[in-house]
PDB file of N, CA and C in Angstrom:
ATOM      1  N   MET A   1     121.447 132.411 105.087  1.00  0.00           N
ATOM      2  CA  MET A   1     121.974 133.650 105.508  1.00  0.00           C
ATOM      3  C   MET A   1     120.739 134.540 105.788  1.00  0.00           C
ATOM      4  N   SER A   2     120.978 135.454 106.797  1.00  0.00           N
ATOM      5  CA  SER A   2     119.919 136.266 107.271  1.00  0.00           C
ATOM      6  C   SER A   2     120.409 137.747 107.341  1.00  0.00           C
ATOM      7  N   PHE A   3     120.538 138.433 106.240  1.00  0.00           N
ATOM      8  CA  PHE A   3     120.973 139.760 106.195  1.00  0.00           C
ATOM      9  C   PHE A   3     120.080 140.675 106.689  1.00  0.00           C
ATOM     10  N   VAL A   4     120.418 141.741 107.481  1.00  0.00           N
ATOM     11  CA  VAL A   4     119.639 142.609 107.993  1.00  0.00           C
ATOM     12  C   VAL A   4     120.238 144.058 107.824  1.00  0.00           C
ATOM     13  N   GLU A   5     119.293 145.058 107.403  1.00  0.00           N
ATOM     14  CA  GLU A   5     119.958 146.390 107.240  1.00  0.00           C
ATOM     15  C   GLU A   5     120.047 146.996 108.569  1.00  0.00           C
ATOM     16  N   ILE A   6     121.323 147.577 108.705  1.00  0.00           N
ATOM     17  CA  ILE A   6     121.656 147.974 110.124  1.00  0.00           C
ATOM     18  C   ILE A   6     122.066 149.618 109.899  1.00  0.00           C
ATOM     19  N   ALA A   7     122.216 150.133 108.777  1.00  0.00           N
ATOM     20  CA  ALA A   7     122.484 151.574 108.596  1.00  0.00           C
ATOM     21  C   ALA A   7     122.535 151.861 107.173  1.00  0.00           C
ATOM     22  N   LYS A   8     122.507 153.232 106.913  1.00  0.00           N
ATOM     23  CA  LYS A   8     122.724 153.806 105.516  1.00  0.00           C
ATOM     24  C   LYS A   8     124.162 154.123 105.434  1.00  0.00           C
ATOM     25  N   ASN A   9     124.710 154.046 104.134  1.00  0.00           N
ATOM     26  CA  ASN A   9     126.145 154.326 103.938  1.00  0.00           C
ATOM     27  C   ASN A   9     126.694 155.440 104.521  1.00  0.00           C
ATOM     28  N   ASP A  10     125.686 156.694 104.526  1.00  0.00           N
ATOM     29  CA  ASP A  10     126.349 157.972 104.951  1.00  0.00           C
ATOM     30  C   ASP A  10     126.228 158.066 106.475  1.00  0.00           C
ATOM     31  N   GLU A  11     125.722 157.121 107.094  1.00  0.00           N
ATOM     32  CA  GLU A  11     125.623 157.156 108.585  1.00  0.00           C
ATOM     33  C   GLU A  11     126.906 156.720 109.319  1.00  0.00           C
ATOM     34  N   ILE A  12     127.851 156.183 108.567  1.00  0.00           N
ATOM     35  CA  ILE A  12     129.183 155.660 109.127  1.00  0.00           C
ATOM     36  C   ILE A  12     130.313 156.249 108.210  1.00  0.00           C
ATOM     37  N   PRO A  13     130.801 157.426 108.428  1.00  0.00           N
ATOM     38  CA  PRO A  13     131.884 157.883 107.527  1.00  0.00           C
ATOM     39  C   PRO A  13     133.092 157.149 107.666  1.00  0.00           C
ATOM     40  N   THR A  14     133.977 157.330 106.649  1.00  0.00           N
ATOM     41  CA  THR A  14     135.355 156.636 106.714  1.00  0.00           C
ATOM     42  C   THR A  14     135.980 156.926 107.940  1.00  0.00           C
ATOM     43  N   GLY A  15     136.543 155.873 108.653  1.00  0.00           N
ATOM     44  CA  GLY A  15     137.363 156.104 109.866  1.00  0.00           C
ATOM     45  C   GLY A  15     136.418 156.142 111.143  1.00  0.00           C
ATOM     46  N   GLN A  16     135.089 155.934 110.911  1.00  0.00           N
ATOM     47  CA  GLN A  16     134.317 155.939 112.112  1.00  0.00           C
ATOM     48  C   GLN A  16     133.644 154.588 112.536  1.00  0.00           C
ATOM     49  N   MET A  17     132.959 154.434 113.517  1.00  0.00           N
ATOM     50  CA  MET A  17     132.367 153.294 113.875  1.00  0.00           C
ATOM     51  C   MET A  17     130.953 153.565 114.453  1.00  0.00           C
ATOM     52  N   LYS A  18     130.260 152.589 114.635  1.00  0.00           N
ATOM     53  CA  LYS A  18     128.959 152.691 115.260  1.00  0.00           C
ATOM     54  C   LYS A  18     128.330 151.369 115.745  1.00  0.00           C
ATOM     55  N   GLY A  19     127.865 151.409 117.156  1.00  0.00           N
ATOM     56  CA  GLY A  19     127.408 150.369 117.861  1.00  0.00           C
ATOM     57  C   GLY A  19     125.908 150.129 117.523  1.00  0.00           C
ATOM     58  N   ILE A  20     125.518 148.992 117.466  1.00  0.00           N
ATOM     59  CA  ILE A  20     124.188 148.674 117.106  1.00  0.00           C
ATOM     60  C   ILE A  20     123.771 147.350 117.890  1.00  0.00           C
ATOM     61  N   LYS A  21     122.513 147.161 118.166  1.00  0.00           N
ATOM     62  CA  LYS A  21     122.015 146.004 118.789  1.00  0.00           C
ATOM     63  C   LYS A  21     120.992 145.449 117.943  1.00  0.00           C
ATOM     64  N   ILE A  22     121.031 144.017 117.577  1.00  0.00           N
ATOM     65  CA  ILE A  22     120.052 143.457 116.782  1.00  0.00           C
ATOM     66  C   ILE A  22     119.626 142.164 117.635  1.00  0.00           C
ATOM     67  N   ASN A  23     118.413 142.004 117.994  1.00  0.00           N
ATOM     68  CA  ASN A  23     118.064 140.825 118.711  1.00  0.00           C
ATOM     69  C   ASN A  23     118.873 140.985 119.962  1.00  0.00           C
ATOM     70  N   ASP A  24     119.669 140.013 120.412  1.00  0.00           N
ATOM     71  CA  ASP A  24     120.398 139.993 121.699  1.00  0.00           C
ATOM     72  C   ASP A  24     121.908 140.191 121.325  1.00  0.00           C
ATOM     73  N   LYS A  25     122.266 140.572 120.082  1.00  0.00           N
ATOM     74  CA  LYS A  25     123.686 140.893 119.700  1.00  0.00           C
ATOM     75  C   LYS A  25     124.009 142.163 119.635  1.00  0.00           C
ATOM     76  N   ASN A  26     125.134 142.556 120.368  1.00  0.00           N
ATOM     77  CA  ASN A  26     125.713 143.895 120.299  1.00  0.00           C
ATOM     78  C   ASN A  26     126.910 143.798 119.214  1.00  0.00           C
ATOM     79  N   ILE A  27     126.795 144.723 118.249  1.00  0.00           N
ATOM     80  CA  ILE A  27     127.701 144.665 117.066  1.00  0.00           C
ATOM     81  C   ILE A  27     128.321 145.937 116.799  1.00  0.00           C
ATOM     82  N   LEU A  28     129.548 145.991 116.470  1.00  0.00           N
ATOM     83  CA  LEU A  28     130.247 147.110 116.237  1.00  0.00           C
ATOM     84  C   LEU A  28     130.479 147.085 114.630  1.00  0.00           C
ATOM     85  N   VAL A  29     130.041 148.277 114.090  1.00  0.00           N
ATOM     86  CA  VAL A  29     130.094 148.359 112.561  1.00  0.00           C
ATOM     87  C   VAL A  29     131.165 149.512 112.214  1.00  0.00           C
ATOM     88  N   THR A  30     132.241 149.322 111.403  1.00  0.00           N
ATOM     89  CA  THR A  30     133.089 150.244 111.116  1.00  0.00           C
ATOM     90  C   THR A  30     133.383 150.434 109.651  1.00  0.00           C
ATOM     91  N   ASN A  31     133.852 151.668 109.306  1.00  0.00           N
ATOM     92  CA  ASN A  31     134.233 152.088 107.902  1.00  0.00           C
ATOM     93  C   ASN A  31     135.736 152.293 107.896  1.00  0.00           C
ATOM     94  N   ILE A  32     136.392 151.237 107.131  1.00  0.00           N
ATOM     95  CA  ILE A  32     137.811 151.472 107.147  1.00  0.00           C
ATOM     96  C   ILE A  32     138.127 151.850 105.458  1.00  0.00           C
ATOM     97  N   ALA A  33     138.550 152.951 105.189  1.00  0.00           N
ATOM     98  CA  ALA A  33     138.802 153.347 103.783  1.00  0.00           C
ATOM     99  C   ALA A  33     137.652 152.975 102.881  1.00  0.00           C
ATOM    100  N   GLY A  34     136.419 153.222 103.255  1.00  0.00           N
ATOM    101  CA  GLY A  34     135.285 152.945 102.447  1.00  0.00           C
ATOM    102  C   GLY A  34     134.727 151.497 102.369  1.00  0.00           C
ATOM    103  N   LYS A  35     135.377 150.582 103.171  1.00  0.00           N
ATOM    104  CA  LYS A  35     134.864 149.282 103.275  1.00  0.00           C
ATOM    105  C   LYS A  35     134.373 149.022 104.712  1.00  0.00           C
ATOM    106  N   TYR A  36     133.190 148.310 104.760  1.00  0.00           N
ATOM    107  CA  TYR A  36     132.379 148.219 106.070  1.00  0.00           C
ATOM    108  C   TYR A  36     132.698 146.914 106.588  1.00  0.00           C
ATOM    109  N   TYR A  37     133.047 146.787 107.937  1.00  0.00           N
ATOM    110  CA  TYR A  37     133.242 145.538 108.740  1.00  0.00           C
ATOM    111  C   TYR A  37     132.333 145.514 109.876  1.00  0.00           C
ATOM    112  N   ALA A  38     132.015 144.404 110.398  1.00  0.00           N
ATOM    113  CA  ALA A  38     131.139 144.197 111.594  1.00  0.00           C
ATOM    114  C   ALA A  38     131.717 143.089 112.446  1.00  0.00           C
ATOM    115  N   ILE A  39     131.933 143.384 113.732  1.00  0.00           N
ATOM    116  CA  ILE A  39     132.280 142.437 114.690  1.00  0.00           C
ATOM    117  C   ILE A  39     131.423 142.548 116.034  1.00  0.00           C
ATOM    118  N   GLY A  40     131.681 141.534 116.896  1.00  0.00           N
ATOM    119  CA  GLY A  40     130.952 141.745 118.187  1.00  0.00           C
ATOM    120  C   GLY A  40     131.479 142.746 118.906  1.00  0.00           C
ATOM    121  N   ALA A  41     130.585 143.591 119.693  1.00  0.00           N
ATOM    122  CA  ALA A  41     130.915 144.803 120.235  1.00  0.00           C
ATOM    123  C   ALA A  41     131.245 144.621 121.742  1.00  0.00           C
ATOM    124  N   LYS A  42     131.333 143.437 122.254  1.00  0.00           N
ATOM    125  CA  LYS A  42     131.584 143.101 123.717  1.00  0.00           C
ATOM    126  C   LYS A  42     132.971 142.607 123.849  1.00  0.00           C
ATOM    127  N   CYS A  43     133.767 143.168 124.570  1.00  0.00           N
ATOM    128  CA  CYS A  43     135.232 142.652 124.844  1.00  0.00           C
ATOM    129  C   CYS A  43     135.141 141.433 125.567  1.00  0.00           C
ATOM    130  N   THR A  44     135.896 140.542 124.970  1.00  0.00           N
ATOM    131  CA  THR A  44     135.898 139.061 125.778  1.00  0.00           C
ATOM    132  C   THR A  44     136.619 139.079 127.133  1.00  0.00           C
ATOM    133  N   HIS A  45     137.264 140.085 127.421  1.00  0.00           N
ATOM    134  CA  HIS A  45     137.792 140.202 128.769  1.00  0.00           C
ATOM    135  C   HIS A  45     136.877 140.438 129.890  1.00  0.00           C
ATOM    136  N   ALA A  46     136.278 141.664 129.797  1.00  0.00           N
ATOM    137  CA  ALA A  46     135.363 142.074 130.972  1.00  0.00           C
ATOM    138  C   ALA A  46     134.090 142.590 130.371  1.00  0.00           C
ATOM    139  N   GLY A  47     133.796 142.401 129.093  1.00  0.00           N
ATOM    140  CA  GLY A  47     132.365 142.956 128.596  1.00  0.00           C
ATOM    141  C   GLY A  47     132.443 144.352 128.236  1.00  0.00           C
ATOM    142  N   GLY A  48     133.570 145.004 128.086  1.00  0.00           N
ATOM    143  CA  GLY A  48     133.522 146.397 127.715  1.00  0.00           C
ATOM    144  C   GLY A  48     132.783 146.636 126.434  1.00  0.00           C
ATOM    145  N   ASP A  49     132.192 147.766 126.131  1.00  0.00           N
ATOM    146  CA  ASP A  49     131.449 148.147 124.949  1.00  0.00           C
ATOM    147  C   ASP A  49     132.545 148.672 123.958  1.00  0.00           C
ATOM    148  N   LEU A  50     132.906 147.968 122.972  1.00  0.00           N
ATOM    149  CA  LEU A  50     133.962 148.441 122.029  1.00  0.00           C
ATOM    150  C   LEU A  50     133.530 149.559 121.267  1.00  0.00           C
ATOM    151  N   SER A  51     132.166 149.887 121.036  1.00  0.00           N
ATOM    152  CA  SER A  51     131.701 151.057 120.266  1.00  0.00           C
ATOM    153  C   SER A  51     132.145 152.234 121.083  1.00  0.00           C
ATOM    154  N   LYS A  52     132.387 152.205 122.380  1.00  0.00           N
ATOM    155  CA  LYS A  52     132.779 153.416 123.111  1.00  0.00           C
ATOM    156  C   LYS A  52     134.232 153.513 123.246  1.00  0.00           C
ATOM    157  N   GLY A  53     135.022 152.544 122.400  1.00  0.00           N
ATOM    158  CA  GLY A  53     136.418 152.654 122.431  1.00  0.00           C
ATOM    159  C   GLY A  53     136.866 153.571 121.506  1.00  0.00           C
ATOM    160  N   LYS A  54     138.161 153.316 121.108  1.00  0.00           N
ATOM    161  CA  LYS A  54     138.867 154.219 120.079  1.00  0.00           C
ATOM    162  C   LYS A  54     139.373 153.295 118.866  1.00  0.00           C
ATOM    163  N   MET A  55     139.157 153.903 117.673  1.00  0.00           N
ATOM    164  CA  MET A  55     139.490 153.127 116.530  1.00  0.00           C
ATOM    165  C   MET A  55     140.889 153.518 116.019  1.00  0.00           C
ATOM    166  N   ASP A  56     141.835 152.751 115.858  1.00  0.00           N
ATOM    167  CA  ASP A  56     143.099 153.203 115.270  1.00  0.00           C
ATOM    168  C   ASP A  56     143.422 152.250 114.081  1.00  0.00           C
ATOM    169  N   GLY A  57     143.048 152.890 112.899  1.00  0.00           N
ATOM    170  CA  GLY A  57     143.194 151.979 111.607  1.00  0.00           C
ATOM    171  C   GLY A  57     142.283 150.844 111.669  1.00  0.00           C
ATOM    172  N   SER A  58     142.760 149.712 111.637  1.00  0.00           N
ATOM    173  CA  SER A  58     141.826 148.512 111.693  1.00  0.00           C
ATOM    174  C   SER A  58     141.796 147.957 112.928  1.00  0.00           C
ATOM    175  N   ILE A  59     142.143 148.613 114.054  1.00  0.00           N
ATOM    176  CA  ILE A  59     142.340 148.034 115.428  1.00  0.00           C
ATOM    177  C   ILE A  59     141.253 148.912 116.203  1.00  0.00           C
ATOM    178  N   VAL A  60     140.419 148.252 117.177  1.00  0.00           N
ATOM    179  CA  VAL A  60     139.596 148.920 118.169  1.00  0.00           C
ATOM    180  C   VAL A  60     140.207 148.577 119.375  1.00  0.00           C
ATOM    181  N   ILE A  61     140.176 149.612 120.227  1.00  0.00           N
ATOM    182  CA  ILE A  61     140.811 149.580 121.428  1.00  0.00           C
ATOM    183  C   ILE A  61     139.543 149.562 122.596  1.00  0.00           C
ATOM    184  N   CYS A  62     139.463 148.645 123.482  1.00  0.00           N
ATOM    185  CA  CYS A  62     138.472 148.623 124.439  1.00  0.00           C
ATOM    186  C   CYS A  62     138.626 149.872 125.426  1.00  0.00           C
ATOM    187  N   PRO A  63     137.512 150.373 125.792  1.00  0.00           N
ATOM    188  CA  PRO A  63     137.680 151.749 126.754  1.00  0.00           C
ATOM    189  C   PRO A  63     137.867 151.159 128.179  1.00  0.00           C
ATOM    190  N   ARG A  64     137.751 149.898 128.545  1.00  0.00           N
ATOM    191  CA  ARG A  64     137.865 149.533 129.893  1.00  0.00           C
ATOM    192  C   ARG A  64     139.287 149.029 130.326  1.00  0.00           C
ATOM    193  N   HIS A  65     139.820 148.204 129.661  1.00  0.00           N
ATOM    194  CA  HIS A  65     141.338 147.734 130.022  1.00  0.00           C
ATOM    195  C   HIS A  65     142.161 147.697 128.744  1.00  0.00           C
ATOM    196  N   LYS A  66     141.838 148.440 127.794  1.00  0.00           N
ATOM    197  CA  LYS A  66     142.695 148.680 126.587  1.00  0.00           C
ATOM    198  C   LYS A  66     143.033 147.370 125.755  1.00  0.00           C
ATOM    199  N   SER A  67     142.283 146.318 125.838  1.00  0.00           N
ATOM    200  CA  SER A  67     142.447 145.146 124.906  1.00  0.00           C
ATOM    201  C   SER A  67     142.192 145.759 123.620  1.00  0.00           C
ATOM    202  N   LYS A  68     143.185 145.117 122.505  1.00  0.00           N
ATOM    203  CA  LYS A  68     142.897 145.480 121.179  1.00  0.00           C
ATOM    204  C   LYS A  68     142.375 144.352 120.429  1.00  0.00           C
ATOM    205  N   PHE A  69     141.547 144.599 119.424  1.00  0.00           N
ATOM    206  CA  PHE A  69     140.891 143.701 118.616  1.00  0.00           C
ATOM    207  C   PHE A  69     141.246 144.141 117.009  1.00  0.00           C
ATOM    208  N   ASP A  70     141.450 143.180 116.256  1.00  0.00           N
ATOM    209  CA  ASP A  70     141.513 143.474 114.732  1.00  0.00           C
ATOM    210  C   ASP A  70     140.048 143.534 114.171  1.00  0.00           C
ATOM    211  N   ILE A  71     139.770 144.609 113.643  1.00  0.00           N
ATOM    212  CA  ILE A  71     138.319 144.806 113.212  1.00  0.00           C
ATOM    213  C   ILE A  71     138.042 143.923 112.064  1.00  0.00           C
ATOM    214  N   ILE A  72     139.065 143.613 111.290  1.00  0.00           N
ATOM    215  CA  ILE A  72     138.746 142.587 110.033  1.00  0.00           C
ATOM    216  C   ILE A  72     138.634 141.296 110.340  1.00  0.00           C
ATOM    217  N   THR A  73     139.408 140.753 111.400  1.00  0.00           N
ATOM    218  CA  THR A  73     139.402 139.334 111.554  1.00  0.00           C
ATOM    219  C   THR A  73     138.692 139.002 112.962  1.00  0.00           C
ATOM    220  N   GLY A  74     138.596 140.014 113.901  1.00  0.00           N
ATOM    221  CA  GLY A  74     138.027 139.752 115.159  1.00  0.00           C
ATOM    222  C   GLY A  74     139.007 139.272 116.126  1.00  0.00           C
ATOM    223  N   LYS A  75     140.323 138.998 115.712  1.00  0.00           N
ATOM    224  CA  LYS A  75     141.080 138.425 116.620  1.00  0.00           C
ATOM    225  C   LYS A  75     141.656 139.473 117.703  1.00  0.00           C
ATOM    226  N   SER A  76     141.867 138.900 118.852  1.00  0.00           N
ATOM    227  CA  SER A  76     142.563 139.792 120.011  1.00  0.00           C
ATOM    228  C   SER A  76     144.033 140.062 119.553  1.00  0.00           C
ATOM    229  N   ILE A  77     144.373 141.221 119.576  1.00  0.00           N
ATOM    230  CA  ILE A  77     145.722 141.624 119.126  1.00  0.00           C
ATOM    231  C   ILE A  77     146.533 141.785 120.367  1.00  0.00           C
ATOM    232  N   SER A  78     145.982 142.328 121.587  1.00  0.00           N
ATOM    233  CA  SER A  78     146.813 142.301 122.819  1.00  0.00           C
ATOM    234  C   SER A  78     145.745 142.435 123.877  1.00  0.00           C
ATOM    235  N   GLY A  79     146.264 141.902 124.989  1.00  0.00           N
ATOM    236  CA  GLY A  79     145.269 141.670 126.263  1.00  0.00           C
ATOM    237  C   GLY A  79     145.134 142.968 127.036  1.00  0.00           C
ATOM    238  N   PRO A  80     144.322 142.648 128.069  1.00  0.00           N
ATOM    239  CA  PRO A  80     144.068 141.289 128.770  1.00  0.00           C
ATOM    240  C   PRO A  80     143.126 140.368 127.990  1.00  0.00           C
ATOM    241  N   ALA A  81     142.423 140.763 127.090  1.00  0.00           N
ATOM    242  CA  ALA A  81     141.629 139.796 126.412  1.00  0.00           C
ATOM    243  C   ALA A  81     142.437 138.920 125.658  1.00  0.00           C
ATOM    244  N   LYS A  82     142.148 137.677 125.700  1.00  0.00           N
ATOM    245  CA  LYS A  82     142.841 136.460 125.029  1.00  0.00           C
ATOM    246  C   LYS A  82     142.040 135.894 123.904  1.00  0.00           C
ATOM    247  N   GLN A  83     140.637 135.956 124.019  1.00  0.00           N
ATOM    248  CA  GLN A  83     139.860 135.445 122.930  1.00  0.00           C
ATOM    249  C   GLN A  83     139.412 136.531 121.895  1.00  0.00           C
ATOM    250  N   GLY A  84     139.132 136.321 120.732  1.00  0.00           N
ATOM    251  CA  GLY A  84     138.616 137.209 119.689  1.00  0.00           C
ATOM    252  C   GLY A  84     137.141 137.467 119.932  1.00  0.00           C
ATOM    253  N   VAL A  85     136.589 138.350 119.068  1.00  0.00           N
ATOM    254  CA  VAL A  85     135.156 138.593 118.965  1.00  0.00           C
ATOM    255  C   VAL A  85     134.491 137.961 117.801  1.00  0.00           C
ATOM    256  N   PRO A  86     133.254 137.707 117.834  1.00  0.00           N
ATOM    257  CA  PRO A  86     132.600 137.192 116.457  1.00  0.00           C
ATOM    258  C   PRO A  86     132.888 138.270 115.252  1.00  0.00           C
ATOM    259  N   VAL A  87     132.914 137.796 114.120  1.00  0.00           N
ATOM    260  CA  VAL A  87     132.892 138.581 112.811  1.00  0.00           C
ATOM    261  C   VAL A  87     131.604 138.182 112.178  1.00  0.00           C
ATOM    262  N   TYR A  88     130.960 139.411 111.578  1.00  0.00           N
ATOM    263  CA  TYR A  88     129.796 139.229 110.763  1.00  0.00           C
ATOM    264  C   TYR A  88     130.050 139.634 109.314  1.00  0.00           C
ATOM    265  N   GLN A  89     129.502 138.819 108.413  1.00  0.00           N
ATOM    266  CA  GLN A  89     129.578 139.173 107.060  1.00  0.00           C
ATOM    267  C   GLN A  89     128.694 140.528 106.723  1.00  0.00           C
ATOM    268  N   VAL A  90     129.350 141.467 105.981  1.00  0.00           N
ATOM    269  CA  VAL A  90     128.736 142.703 105.474  1.00  0.00           C
ATOM    270  C   VAL A  90     128.541 142.633 104.012  1.00  0.00           C
ATOM    271  N   LYS A  91     127.368 143.269 103.548  1.00  0.00           N
ATOM    272  CA  LYS A  91     127.209 143.553 102.199  1.00  0.00           C
ATOM    273  C   LYS A  91     126.502 144.931 102.053  1.00  0.00           C
ATOM    274  N   ILE A  92     126.815 145.524 100.834  1.00  0.00           N
ATOM    275  CA  ILE A  92     126.217 146.722 100.659  1.00  0.00           C
ATOM    276  C   ILE A  92     125.192 146.449  99.429  1.00  0.00           C
ATOM    277  N   GLN A  93     123.927 147.005  99.639  1.00  0.00           N
ATOM    278  CA  GLN A  93     122.817 146.980  98.758  1.00  0.00           C
ATOM    279  C   GLN A  93     122.300 148.347  98.423  1.00  0.00           C
ATOM    280  N   GLU A  94     122.591 148.922  97.331  1.00  0.00           N
ATOM    281  CA  GLU A  94     122.327 150.304  97.031  1.00  0.00           C
ATOM    282  C   GLU A  94     122.943 151.145  97.977  1.00  0.00           C
ATOM    283  N   ASN A  95     122.150 151.961  99.004  1.00  0.00           N
ATOM    284  CA  ASN A  95     122.680 152.851  99.980  1.00  0.00           C
ATOM    285  C   ASN A  95     122.694 152.170 101.253  1.00  0.00           C
ATOM    286  N   SER A  96     122.357 150.946 101.365  1.00  0.00           N
ATOM    287  CA  SER A  96     122.261 150.274 102.735  1.00  0.00           C
ATOM    288  C   SER A  96     123.322 149.339 103.085  1.00  0.00           C
ATOM    289  N   ILE A  97     123.769 149.378 104.379  1.00  0.00           N
ATOM    290  CA  ILE A  97     124.665 148.535 104.852  1.00  0.00           C
ATOM    291  C   ILE A  97     123.932 147.187 105.630  1.00  0.00           C
ATOM    292  N   LEU A  98     124.173 146.005 105.116  1.00  0.00           N
ATOM    293  CA  LEU A  98     123.558 144.920 105.671  1.00  0.00           C
ATOM    294  C   LEU A  98     124.560 143.991 106.342  1.00  0.00           C
ATOM    295  N   ILE A  99     124.153 143.328 107.353  1.00  0.00           N
ATOM    296  CA  ILE A  99     124.918 142.301 107.915  1.00  0.00           C
ATOM    297  C   ILE A  99     124.155 140.921 108.046  1.00  0.00           C
ATOM    298  N   ASP A 100     125.040 139.859 108.084  1.00  0.00           N
ATOM    299  CA  ASP A 100     124.398 138.561 108.222  1.00  0.00           C
ATOM    300  C   ASP A 100     124.441 138.261 109.798  1.00  0.00           C
ATOM    301  N   ILE A 101     123.261 138.171 110.442  1.00  0.00           N
ATOM    302  CA  ILE A 101     123.151 137.899 111.883  1.00  0.00           C
ATOM    303  C   ILE A 101     122.986 136.455 112.253  1.00  0.00           C
ATOM    304  N   ALA A 102     122.897 135.635 111.253  1.00  0.00           N
ATOM    305  CA  ALA A 102     122.613 134.154 111.400  1.00  0.00           C
ATOM    306  C   ALA A 102     123.745 133.527 112.290  1.00  0.00           C
TER     307      ALA A 102
END
């Protein structure tokens, strides 16, 4: 596993999300009720930036064509996207949010 610090806890408040880029990976990090999740930030339909979309509970809505993805599982909930996005393991260490980018 290759965990990398991507943010401090206070940088992503509950109900918020943040887009980050590590190496060549665009990643969306979210805070749902105090628990952090990380998924791929590119819509699998037309490459829309999910970090510029809207978060509705545990769903993120793509700003381009309104595809919906489950933030916890990465699965496509409704189209036009049919394929889900990658999911990254998250852990908290002291005040830091780390994700496994391997």
